[in-house]
Amino acid sequence: MEIGKRLKALRLKNNLTLEELASRCELSKGFLSQLERDLTSPSIQTLEDITNVLGVSLEDFFKEKKEEKYTYQRSDFFVDEKDGRKITYLIPEVSRHSMEPLELILEPGASSQEIKTHEGEEFGYVVAGKIRLEDLTNKESYLIRKGETFCLRGEFKHRLVNVSQSASKIIWISSPSVF
């Protein structure tokens, strides 16, 4: 870890000169300059004094910041193919999110996995084809065509079945993840 680089960034963020920080910490400007260039190392107590002046705790100072990822490319996706269905998981780090979106392609006659009852909600958009949403608990079904959507709570077991003569494509989102 580059302590000096991090200290300098915090000092600049607080709009302090080396001289101002040195004065507030009762340290020499020369020592802080060497510290910021990683030419010397501070004691724990000195580092704590500096971080307190800069408005952060030692714990927060040493936390590694993970870079938040907002966009994903095809190379980030995970694809699972079996039994006439192709599932593309669109966000690889699903544990960081409260939802899980995926793309589901069903060959004619193929079905999704059975989704058991769960806490949460699901949303789906049929991009291509025609599917049947089967409520396996209440023995009901709903026909959903290209351009139409479904939205449901996970209060019943269900699955999707492709009733088209060609592949059906669905964007399916669950919150929280159940896939």
N, C-alpha and C. Protein backbone atom coordinates (compact mmCIF):
# COMPACT_ATOMS: atom_id res chain seq x y z
N MET A 1 0.84 -1.18 0.00
CA MET A 1 0.00 0.00 0.00
C MET A 1 0.89 1.24 0.00
N GLU A 2 0.52 2.19 -0.80
CA GLU A 2 1.25 3.45 -0.86
C GLU A 2 0.60 4.44 0.11
N ILE A 3 1.08 4.42 1.33
CA ILE A 3 0.52 5.27 2.39
C ILE A 3 0.66 6.74 2.02
N GLY A 4 1.82 7.12 1.52
CA GLY A 4 2.08 8.51 1.18
C GLY A 4 1.13 9.04 0.12
N LYS A 5 0.93 8.24 -0.90
CA LYS A 5 0.04 8.65 -1.99
C LYS A 5 -1.38 8.85 -1.47
N ARG A 6 -1.81 7.96 -0.60
CA ARG A 6 -3.16 8.06 -0.04
C ARG A 6 -3.27 9.28 0.88
N LEU A 7 -2.23 9.54 1.68
CA LEU A 7 -2.24 10.71 2.56
C LEU A 7 -2.30 12.00 1.74
N LYS A 8 -1.51 12.05 0.69
CA LYS A 8 -1.49 13.25 -0.16
C LYS A 8 -2.87 13.48 -0.78
N ALA A 9 -3.51 12.42 -1.27
CA ALA A 9 -4.83 12.55 -1.87
C ALA A 9 -5.84 13.09 -0.85
N LEU A 10 -5.77 12.59 0.38
CA LEU A 10 -6.67 13.07 1.44
C LEU A 10 -6.38 14.53 1.79
N ARG A 11 -5.09 14.88 1.84
CA ARG A 11 -4.71 16.26 2.16
C ARG A 11 -5.26 17.20 1.09
N LEU A 12 -5.09 16.84 -0.17
CA LEU A 12 -5.57 17.69 -1.26
C LEU A 12 -7.10 17.75 -1.27
N LYS A 13 -7.75 16.65 -0.96
CA LYS A 13 -9.21 16.61 -0.89
C LYS A 13 -9.71 17.57 0.19
N ASN A 14 -8.94 17.72 1.26
CA ASN A 14 -9.29 18.64 2.35
C ASN A 14 -8.77 20.05 2.12
N ASN A 15 -8.22 20.30 0.94
CA ASN A 15 -7.70 21.62 0.57
C ASN A 15 -6.69 22.16 1.58
N LEU A 16 -5.78 21.28 2.02
CA LEU A 16 -4.74 21.68 2.97
C LEU A 16 -3.39 21.68 2.27
N THR A 17 -2.56 22.66 2.62
CA THR A 17 -1.17 22.65 2.15
C THR A 17 -0.38 21.76 3.09
N LEU A 18 0.82 21.38 2.67
CA LEU A 18 1.70 20.61 3.56
C LEU A 18 1.92 21.36 4.86
N GLU A 19 2.12 22.66 4.74
CA GLU A 19 2.39 23.49 5.91
C GLU A 19 1.19 23.49 6.87
N GLU A 20 -0.03 23.61 6.33
CA GLU A 20 -1.22 23.62 7.18
C GLU A 20 -1.40 22.28 7.89
N LEU A 21 -1.20 21.18 7.16
CA LEU A 21 -1.35 19.86 7.77
C LEU A 21 -0.27 19.64 8.83
N ALA A 22 0.95 20.04 8.52
CA ALA A 22 2.05 19.90 9.47
C ALA A 22 1.73 20.65 10.77
N SER A 23 1.21 21.85 10.64
CA SER A 23 0.88 22.65 11.81
C SER A 23 -0.20 21.99 12.65
N ARG A 24 -1.24 21.48 12.00
CA ARG A 24 -2.35 20.86 12.72
C ARG A 24 -1.94 19.54 13.40
N CYS A 25 -0.96 18.86 12.82
CA CYS A 25 -0.51 17.58 13.39
C CYS A 25 0.71 17.73 14.29
N GLU A 26 1.23 18.95 14.38
CA GLU A 26 2.45 19.22 15.14
C GLU A 26 3.61 18.37 14.64
N LEU A 27 3.75 18.36 13.30
CA LEU A 27 4.84 17.65 12.63
C LEU A 27 5.55 18.65 11.74
N SER A 28 6.72 18.28 11.25
CA SER A 28 7.43 19.19 10.35
C SER A 28 6.92 19.00 8.92
N LYS A 29 6.98 20.08 8.17
CA LYS A 29 6.59 20.06 6.77
C LYS A 29 7.48 19.08 6.00
N GLY A 30 8.77 19.04 6.33
CA GLY A 30 9.72 18.15 5.68
C GLY A 30 9.38 16.68 5.90
N PHE A 31 8.98 16.36 7.14
CA PHE A 31 8.61 14.98 7.45
C PHE A 31 7.39 14.57 6.63
N LEU A 32 6.38 15.44 6.58
CA LEU A 32 5.17 15.11 5.81
C LEU A 32 5.48 14.99 4.32
N SER A 33 6.37 15.81 3.81
CA SER A 33 6.77 15.73 2.41
C SER A 33 7.41 14.38 2.12
N GLN A 34 8.31 13.94 3.00
CA GLN A 34 8.95 12.63 2.83
C GLN A 34 7.91 11.50 2.95
N LEU A 35 6.98 11.68 3.85
CA LEU A 35 5.93 10.69 4.05
C LEU A 35 5.07 10.55 2.79
N GLU A 36 4.68 11.66 2.20
CA GLU A 36 3.85 11.64 1.00
C GLU A 36 4.58 11.04 -0.19
N ARG A 37 5.91 11.09 -0.18
CA ARG A 37 6.69 10.50 -1.27
C ARG A 37 7.15 9.08 -0.92
N ASP A 38 6.62 8.54 0.17
CA ASP A 38 6.95 7.20 0.65
C ASP A 38 8.45 7.00 0.89
N LEU A 39 9.11 8.07 1.37
CA LEU A 39 10.53 7.99 1.69
C LEU A 39 10.76 7.65 3.16
N THR A 40 9.69 7.75 3.93
CA THR A 40 9.75 7.39 5.35
C THR A 40 8.41 6.80 5.76
N SER A 41 8.39 6.16 6.91
CA SER A 41 7.15 5.56 7.41
C SER A 41 6.81 6.16 8.76
N PRO A 42 5.52 6.39 8.99
CA PRO A 42 5.10 6.97 10.27
C PRO A 42 4.86 5.87 11.30
N SER A 43 4.88 6.24 12.56
CA SER A 43 4.44 5.31 13.60
C SER A 43 2.92 5.22 13.50
N ILE A 44 2.35 4.22 14.12
CA ILE A 44 0.89 4.08 14.12
C ILE A 44 0.24 5.31 14.74
N GLN A 45 0.81 5.79 15.85
CA GLN A 45 0.24 6.96 16.53
C GLN A 45 0.30 8.19 15.64
N THR A 46 1.41 8.39 14.95
CA THR A 46 1.54 9.55 14.06
C THR A 46 0.55 9.45 12.91
N LEU A 47 0.42 8.25 12.34
CA LEU A 47 -0.52 8.06 11.25
C LEU A 47 -1.95 8.31 11.72
N GLU A 48 -2.26 7.85 12.92
CA GLU A 48 -3.60 8.08 13.47
C GLU A 48 -3.85 9.58 13.67
N ASP A 49 -2.86 10.30 14.15
CA ASP A 49 -3.00 11.76 14.33
C ASP A 49 -3.27 12.43 12.98
N ILE A 50 -2.53 12.04 11.97
CA ILE A 50 -2.68 12.64 10.63
C ILE A 50 -4.06 12.33 10.07
N THR A 51 -4.48 11.05 10.14
CA THR A 51 -5.78 10.68 9.56
C THR A 51 -6.93 11.35 10.31
N ASN A 52 -6.79 11.52 11.62
CA ASN A 52 -7.83 12.22 12.38
C ASN A 52 -7.98 13.65 11.88
N VAL A 53 -6.86 14.33 11.64
CA VAL A 53 -6.91 15.69 11.12
C VAL A 53 -7.55 15.70 9.73
N LEU A 54 -7.30 14.65 8.96
CA LEU A 54 -7.84 14.56 7.60
C LEU A 54 -9.28 14.03 7.57
N GLY A 55 -9.82 13.70 8.75
CA GLY A 55 -11.22 13.33 8.83
C GLY A 55 -11.57 11.89 8.52
N VAL A 56 -10.59 10.97 8.63
CA VAL A 56 -10.89 9.55 8.42
C VAL A 56 -10.29 8.73 9.55
N SER A 57 -10.91 7.61 9.83
CA SER A 57 -10.37 6.71 10.85
C SER A 57 -9.26 5.88 10.23
N LEU A 58 -8.43 5.29 11.06
CA LEU A 58 -7.39 4.40 10.55
C LEU A 58 -8.01 3.23 9.78
N GLU A 59 -9.11 2.72 10.29
CA GLU A 59 -9.79 1.61 9.62
C GLU A 59 -10.19 1.99 8.20
N ASP A 60 -10.82 3.15 8.05
CA ASP A 60 -11.24 3.59 6.72
C ASP A 60 -10.04 3.91 5.83
N PHE A 61 -8.98 4.43 6.44
CA PHE A 61 -7.78 4.76 5.67
C PHE A 61 -7.20 3.51 5.01
N PHE A 62 -7.21 2.39 5.71
CA PHE A 62 -6.61 1.16 5.20
C PHE A 62 -7.57 0.28 4.40
N LYS A 63 -8.84 0.64 4.35
CA LYS A 63 -9.79 -0.14 3.56
C LYS A 63 -9.43 -0.02 2.09
N GLU A 64 -9.36 -1.18 1.46
CA GLU A 64 -9.14 -1.18 0.02
C GLU A 64 -10.46 -0.87 -0.66
N LYS A 65 -10.46 0.12 -1.50
CA LYS A 65 -11.67 0.47 -2.22
C LYS A 65 -11.76 -0.37 -3.48
N LYS A 66 -12.87 -1.12 -3.59
CA LYS A 66 -13.11 -1.87 -4.80
C LYS A 66 -13.73 -0.92 -5.80
N GLU A 67 -13.25 -1.03 -7.01
CA GLU A 67 -13.81 -0.19 -8.05
C GLU A 67 -15.17 -0.74 -8.44
N GLU A 68 -16.17 0.09 -8.34
CA GLU A 68 -17.53 -0.30 -8.69
C GLU A 68 -17.64 -0.44 -10.20
N LYS A 69 -18.19 -1.55 -10.63
CA LYS A 69 -18.37 -1.78 -12.06
C LYS A 69 -19.82 -1.52 -12.41
N TYR A 70 -20.05 -0.72 -13.45
CA TYR A 70 -21.40 -0.36 -13.84
C TYR A 70 -21.81 -0.94 -15.18
N THR A 71 -20.84 -1.32 -15.99
CA THR A 71 -21.16 -1.86 -17.31
C THR A 71 -20.49 -3.21 -17.49
N TYR A 72 -21.10 -4.04 -18.32
CA TYR A 72 -20.58 -5.39 -18.56
C TYR A 72 -20.62 -5.69 -20.05
N GLN A 73 -19.63 -6.44 -20.51
CA GLN A 73 -19.55 -6.85 -21.90
C GLN A 73 -19.84 -8.36 -21.96
N ARG A 74 -20.05 -8.86 -23.17
CA ARG A 74 -20.32 -10.29 -23.37
C ARG A 74 -19.26 -11.16 -22.71
N SER A 75 -18.01 -10.70 -22.70
CA SER A 75 -16.93 -11.49 -22.11
C SER A 75 -17.10 -11.65 -20.59
N ASP A 76 -17.93 -10.81 -19.96
CA ASP A 76 -18.20 -10.89 -18.52
C ASP A 76 -19.32 -11.89 -18.20
N PHE A 77 -20.14 -12.21 -19.20
CA PHE A 77 -21.32 -13.05 -18.98
C PHE A 77 -20.92 -14.51 -18.76
N PHE A 78 -21.80 -15.22 -18.08
CA PHE A 78 -21.64 -16.67 -17.90
C PHE A 78 -22.81 -17.34 -18.62
N VAL A 79 -22.51 -18.34 -19.45
CA VAL A 79 -23.54 -19.02 -20.23
C VAL A 79 -23.64 -20.47 -19.79
N ASP A 80 -24.88 -20.92 -19.59
CA ASP A 80 -25.16 -22.30 -19.20
C ASP A 80 -26.19 -22.86 -20.19
N GLU A 81 -25.80 -23.92 -20.92
CA GLU A 81 -26.70 -24.52 -21.91
C GLU A 81 -26.98 -25.97 -21.55
N LYS A 82 -28.26 -26.33 -21.53
CA LYS A 82 -28.65 -27.73 -21.35
C LYS A 82 -30.14 -27.89 -21.58
N ASP A 83 -30.54 -29.06 -22.02
CA ASP A 83 -31.94 -29.44 -22.18
C ASP A 83 -32.75 -28.43 -22.99
N GLY A 84 -32.19 -27.92 -24.08
CA GLY A 84 -32.94 -27.01 -24.94
C GLY A 84 -33.07 -25.60 -24.41
N ARG A 85 -32.30 -25.29 -23.39
CA ARG A 85 -32.35 -23.92 -22.88
C ARG A 85 -30.94 -23.37 -22.74
N LYS A 86 -30.83 -22.09 -22.99
CA LYS A 86 -29.55 -21.39 -22.86
C LYS A 86 -29.79 -20.21 -21.92
N ILE A 87 -29.08 -20.23 -20.80
CA ILE A 87 -29.21 -19.16 -19.81
C ILE A 87 -27.92 -18.34 -19.84
N THR A 88 -28.07 -17.05 -20.06
CA THR A 88 -26.93 -16.14 -20.02
C THR A 88 -27.10 -15.25 -18.80
N TYR A 89 -26.19 -15.40 -17.84
CA TYR A 89 -26.22 -14.58 -16.63
C TYR A 89 -25.56 -13.25 -16.98
N LEU A 90 -26.32 -12.18 -16.91
CA LEU A 90 -25.89 -10.89 -17.44
C LEU A 90 -25.04 -10.06 -16.49
N ILE A 91 -25.04 -10.40 -15.21
CA ILE A 91 -24.19 -9.71 -14.24
C ILE A 91 -23.39 -10.77 -13.49
N PRO A 92 -22.07 -10.77 -13.65
CA PRO A 92 -21.26 -11.83 -13.04
C PRO A 92 -21.16 -11.75 -11.52
N GLU A 93 -21.32 -10.58 -10.94
CA GLU A 93 -21.14 -10.42 -9.49
C GLU A 93 -22.48 -10.30 -8.81
N VAL A 94 -23.33 -11.29 -9.00
CA VAL A 94 -24.70 -11.20 -8.51
C VAL A 94 -24.78 -11.03 -6.99
N SER A 95 -23.79 -11.50 -6.25
CA SER A 95 -23.86 -11.38 -4.80
C SER A 95 -23.80 -9.93 -4.33
N ARG A 96 -23.37 -9.02 -5.18
CA ARG A 96 -23.31 -7.60 -4.82
C ARG A 96 -24.63 -6.88 -5.07
N HIS A 97 -25.56 -7.56 -5.70
CA HIS A 97 -26.80 -6.91 -6.11
C HIS A 97 -28.00 -7.59 -5.48
N SER A 98 -29.11 -6.87 -5.43
CA SER A 98 -30.33 -7.44 -4.87
C SER A 98 -31.21 -8.04 -5.95
N MET A 99 -30.72 -8.07 -7.18
CA MET A 99 -31.47 -8.67 -8.27
C MET A 99 -30.53 -9.48 -9.15
N GLU A 100 -31.14 -10.35 -9.95
CA GLU A 100 -30.34 -11.11 -10.91
C GLU A 100 -31.05 -11.12 -12.25
N PRO A 101 -30.49 -10.41 -13.23
CA PRO A 101 -31.06 -10.45 -14.58
C PRO A 101 -30.39 -11.53 -15.42
N LEU A 102 -31.17 -12.16 -16.28
CA LEU A 102 -30.59 -13.12 -17.20
C LEU A 102 -31.35 -13.10 -18.51
N GLU A 103 -30.71 -13.65 -19.51
CA GLU A 103 -31.35 -13.85 -20.80
C GLU A 103 -31.58 -15.35 -20.92
N LEU A 104 -32.81 -15.73 -21.22
CA LEU A 104 -33.17 -17.13 -21.36
C LEU A 104 -33.63 -17.38 -22.78
N ILE A 105 -33.00 -18.34 -23.44
CA ILE A 105 -33.43 -18.75 -24.77
C ILE A 105 -33.91 -20.20 -24.66
N LEU A 106 -35.17 -20.40 -25.04
CA LEU A 106 -35.77 -21.73 -24.99
C LEU A 106 -36.04 -22.21 -26.41
N GLU A 107 -35.58 -23.41 -26.71
CA GLU A 107 -35.88 -24.03 -28.00
C GLU A 107 -37.35 -24.45 -27.98
N PRO A 108 -37.96 -24.70 -29.16
CA PRO A 108 -39.37 -25.11 -29.19
C PRO A 108 -39.64 -26.29 -28.26
N GLY A 109 -40.65 -26.15 -27.41
CA GLY A 109 -41.03 -27.20 -26.48
C GLY A 109 -40.21 -27.25 -25.19
N ALA A 110 -39.10 -26.55 -25.14
CA ALA A 110 -38.24 -26.57 -23.95
C ALA A 110 -38.82 -25.69 -22.84
N SER A 111 -38.40 -25.96 -21.61
CA SER A 111 -38.89 -25.17 -20.49
C SER A 111 -37.73 -24.72 -19.60
N SER A 112 -38.02 -23.72 -18.81
CA SER A 112 -37.04 -23.25 -17.82
C SER A 112 -37.01 -24.26 -16.68
N GLN A 113 -36.08 -24.05 -15.79
CA GLN A 113 -36.10 -24.85 -14.56
C GLN A 113 -37.34 -24.47 -13.77
N GLU A 114 -37.77 -25.35 -12.90
CA GLU A 114 -38.90 -25.06 -12.03
C GLU A 114 -38.42 -24.10 -10.94
N ILE A 115 -39.12 -23.00 -10.78
CA ILE A 115 -38.78 -22.03 -9.74
C ILE A 115 -39.68 -22.29 -8.55
N LYS A 116 -39.07 -22.62 -7.45
CA LYS A 116 -39.82 -22.92 -6.22
C LYS A 116 -40.32 -21.63 -5.59
N THR A 117 -41.24 -21.74 -4.65
CA THR A 117 -41.74 -20.54 -3.97
C THR A 117 -40.58 -19.85 -3.27
N HIS A 118 -40.64 -18.55 -3.24
CA HIS A 118 -39.55 -17.76 -2.64
C HIS A 118 -40.06 -16.39 -2.24
N GLU A 119 -39.30 -15.75 -1.38
CA GLU A 119 -39.55 -14.35 -1.04
C GLU A 119 -39.00 -13.52 -2.19
N GLY A 120 -39.75 -12.63 -2.70
CA GLY A 120 -39.23 -11.77 -3.75
C GLY A 120 -40.15 -11.68 -4.94
N GLU A 121 -39.63 -11.06 -5.99
CA GLU A 121 -40.40 -10.82 -7.20
C GLU A 121 -39.60 -11.17 -8.44
N GLU A 122 -40.33 -11.35 -9.53
CA GLU A 122 -39.70 -11.62 -10.82
C GLU A 122 -40.38 -10.77 -11.88
N PHE A 123 -39.60 -10.42 -12.87
CA PHE A 123 -40.10 -9.67 -14.02
C PHE A 123 -39.53 -10.33 -15.27
N GLY A 124 -40.32 -10.42 -16.31
CA GLY A 124 -39.83 -10.96 -17.57
C GLY A 124 -40.37 -10.19 -18.75
N TYR A 125 -39.54 -10.11 -19.79
CA TYR A 125 -39.93 -9.47 -21.05
C TYR A 125 -39.63 -10.46 -22.17
N VAL A 126 -40.65 -10.79 -22.96
CA VAL A 126 -40.47 -11.73 -24.06
C VAL A 126 -39.97 -10.95 -25.27
N VAL A 127 -38.71 -11.18 -25.62
CA VAL A 127 -38.06 -10.49 -26.73
C VAL A 127 -38.44 -11.14 -28.05
N ALA A 128 -38.55 -12.46 -28.07
CA ALA A 128 -38.91 -13.20 -29.28
C ALA A 128 -39.69 -14.44 -28.91
N GLY A 129 -40.64 -14.81 -29.77
CA GLY A 129 -41.39 -16.05 -29.57
C GLY A 129 -42.63 -15.87 -28.73
N LYS A 130 -43.08 -17.01 -28.17
CA LYS A 130 -44.29 -17.05 -27.37
C LYS A 130 -44.05 -18.09 -26.27
N ILE A 131 -44.34 -17.73 -25.03
CA ILE A 131 -44.13 -18.65 -23.91
C ILE A 131 -45.40 -18.82 -23.11
N ARG A 132 -45.40 -19.87 -22.33
CA ARG A 132 -46.48 -20.10 -21.38
C ARG A 132 -45.87 -20.07 -19.99
N LEU A 133 -46.40 -19.21 -19.14
CA LEU A 133 -46.01 -19.17 -17.73
C LEU A 133 -46.92 -20.14 -17.01
N GLU A 134 -46.33 -21.21 -16.47
CA GLU A 134 -47.13 -22.23 -15.80
C GLU A 134 -47.02 -22.07 -14.28
N ASP A 135 -48.18 -21.86 -13.67
CA ASP A 135 -48.30 -21.81 -12.21
C ASP A 135 -48.48 -23.27 -11.78
N LEU A 136 -47.41 -23.87 -11.28
CA LEU A 136 -47.43 -25.29 -10.93
C LEU A 136 -48.12 -25.55 -9.59
N THR A 137 -48.31 -24.52 -8.80
CA THR A 137 -48.98 -24.67 -7.51
C THR A 137 -50.50 -24.69 -7.69
N ASN A 138 -51.00 -23.74 -8.48
CA ASN A 138 -52.45 -23.59 -8.65
C ASN A 138 -52.98 -24.19 -9.95
N LYS A 139 -52.06 -24.80 -10.72
CA LYS A 139 -52.44 -25.45 -11.99
C LYS A 139 -53.12 -24.48 -12.96
N GLU A 140 -52.50 -23.32 -13.12
CA GLU A 140 -52.98 -22.32 -14.07
C GLU A 140 -51.84 -21.99 -15.02
N SER A 141 -52.18 -21.39 -16.18
CA SER A 141 -51.12 -20.98 -17.10
C SER A 141 -51.52 -19.69 -17.81
N TYR A 142 -50.50 -18.97 -18.29
CA TYR A 142 -50.71 -17.67 -18.93
C TYR A 142 -49.86 -17.61 -20.19
N LEU A 143 -50.44 -17.22 -21.29
CA LEU A 143 -49.73 -17.10 -22.55
C LEU A 143 -49.13 -15.70 -22.67
N ILE A 144 -47.85 -15.63 -23.01
CA ILE A 144 -47.16 -14.34 -23.10
C ILE A 144 -46.44 -14.31 -24.45
N ARG A 145 -46.74 -13.31 -25.25
CA ARG A 145 -46.18 -13.20 -26.61
C ARG A 145 -45.05 -12.18 -26.66
N LYS A 146 -44.36 -12.20 -27.79
CA LYS A 146 -43.29 -11.23 -28.06
C LYS A 146 -43.79 -9.81 -27.76
N GLY A 147 -42.96 -9.06 -27.02
CA GLY A 147 -43.30 -7.69 -26.67
C GLY A 147 -44.14 -7.55 -25.41
N GLU A 148 -44.54 -8.68 -24.82
CA GLU A 148 -45.33 -8.65 -23.59
C GLU A 148 -44.44 -8.99 -22.40
N THR A 149 -44.95 -8.74 -21.20
CA THR A 149 -44.18 -8.93 -19.98
C THR A 149 -44.95 -9.75 -18.96
N PHE A 150 -44.24 -10.20 -17.95
CA PHE A 150 -44.87 -10.79 -16.78
C PHE A 150 -44.19 -10.22 -15.54
N CYS A 151 -44.94 -10.16 -14.46
CA CYS A 151 -44.42 -9.67 -13.19
C CYS A 151 -45.16 -10.42 -12.09
N LEU A 152 -44.41 -11.06 -11.19
CA LEU A 152 -45.06 -11.87 -10.18
C LEU A 152 -44.26 -11.94 -8.91
N ARG A 153 -44.94 -12.26 -7.83
CA ARG A 153 -44.27 -12.56 -6.56
C ARG A 153 -43.97 -14.05 -6.58
N GLY A 154 -43.01 -14.45 -5.81
CA GLY A 154 -42.62 -15.85 -5.79
C GLY A 154 -43.48 -16.72 -4.90
N GLU A 155 -44.78 -16.49 -4.89
CA GLU A 155 -45.68 -17.19 -3.99
C GLU A 155 -46.12 -18.56 -4.49
N PHE A 156 -45.72 -18.93 -5.71
CA PHE A 156 -46.11 -20.23 -6.25
C PHE A 156 -44.99 -20.79 -7.11
N LYS A 157 -44.94 -22.12 -7.20
CA LYS A 157 -43.96 -22.78 -8.07
C LYS A 157 -44.36 -22.50 -9.51
N HIS A 158 -43.37 -22.26 -10.35
CA HIS A 158 -43.69 -21.95 -11.74
C HIS A 158 -42.51 -22.25 -12.66
N ARG A 159 -42.79 -22.17 -13.95
CA ARG A 159 -41.77 -22.32 -14.98
C ARG A 159 -42.28 -21.68 -16.26
N LEU A 160 -41.36 -21.47 -17.18
CA LEU A 160 -41.71 -20.95 -18.50
C LEU A 160 -41.54 -22.06 -19.51
N VAL A 161 -42.47 -22.15 -20.47
CA VAL A 161 -42.39 -23.15 -21.53
C VAL A 161 -42.51 -22.44 -22.87
N ASN A 162 -41.64 -22.79 -23.80
CA ASN A 162 -41.71 -22.20 -25.14
C ASN A 162 -42.79 -22.94 -25.92
N VAL A 163 -43.81 -22.22 -26.37
CA VAL A 163 -44.88 -22.81 -27.16
C VAL A 163 -44.82 -22.34 -28.61
N SER A 164 -43.68 -21.75 -29.02
CA SER A 164 -43.48 -21.30 -30.39
C SER A 164 -42.87 -22.41 -31.23
N GLN A 165 -42.89 -22.21 -32.54
CA GLN A 165 -42.25 -23.14 -33.47
C GLN A 165 -40.77 -22.82 -33.63
N SER A 166 -40.34 -21.70 -33.05
CA SER A 166 -38.92 -21.30 -33.10
C SER A 166 -38.48 -20.92 -31.68
N ALA A 167 -37.21 -20.59 -31.54
CA ALA A 167 -36.67 -20.26 -30.21
C ALA A 167 -37.37 -19.02 -29.64
N SER A 168 -37.58 -19.04 -28.35
CA SER A 168 -38.12 -17.88 -27.63
C SER A 168 -37.00 -17.29 -26.79
N LYS A 169 -36.99 -15.97 -26.70
CA LYS A 169 -35.96 -15.27 -25.92
C LYS A 169 -36.65 -14.39 -24.89
N ILE A 170 -36.20 -14.51 -23.63
CA ILE A 170 -36.81 -13.79 -22.52
C ILE A 170 -35.72 -13.11 -21.71
N ILE A 171 -35.93 -11.86 -21.35
CA ILE A 171 -35.10 -11.20 -20.35
C ILE A 171 -35.85 -11.39 -19.04
N TRP A 172 -35.21 -12.04 -18.07
CA TRP A 172 -35.87 -12.44 -16.83
C TRP A 172 -35.07 -11.90 -15.65
N ILE A 173 -35.74 -11.20 -14.76
CA ILE A 173 -35.08 -10.58 -13.62
C ILE A 173 -35.75 -11.06 -12.33
N SER A 174 -34.94 -11.49 -11.40
CA SER A 174 -35.44 -11.94 -10.11
C SER A 174 -34.80 -11.11 -9.00
N SER A 175 -35.60 -10.74 -8.01
CA SER A 175 -35.08 -10.01 -6.87
C SER A 175 -35.70 -10.58 -5.61
N PRO A 176 -34.91 -11.19 -4.73
CA PRO A 176 -33.49 -11.52 -4.89
C PRO A 176 -33.31 -12.70 -5.85
N SER A 177 -32.08 -13.05 -6.07
CA SER A 177 -31.74 -14.11 -7.01
C SER A 177 -32.36 -15.44 -6.61
N VAL A 178 -32.97 -16.12 -7.58
CA VAL A 178 -33.49 -17.47 -7.35
C VAL A 178 -32.99 -18.44 -8.40
N PHE A 179 -32.23 -17.95 -9.36
CA PHE A 179 -31.79 -18.80 -10.48
C PHE A 179 -30.55 -19.59 -10.13
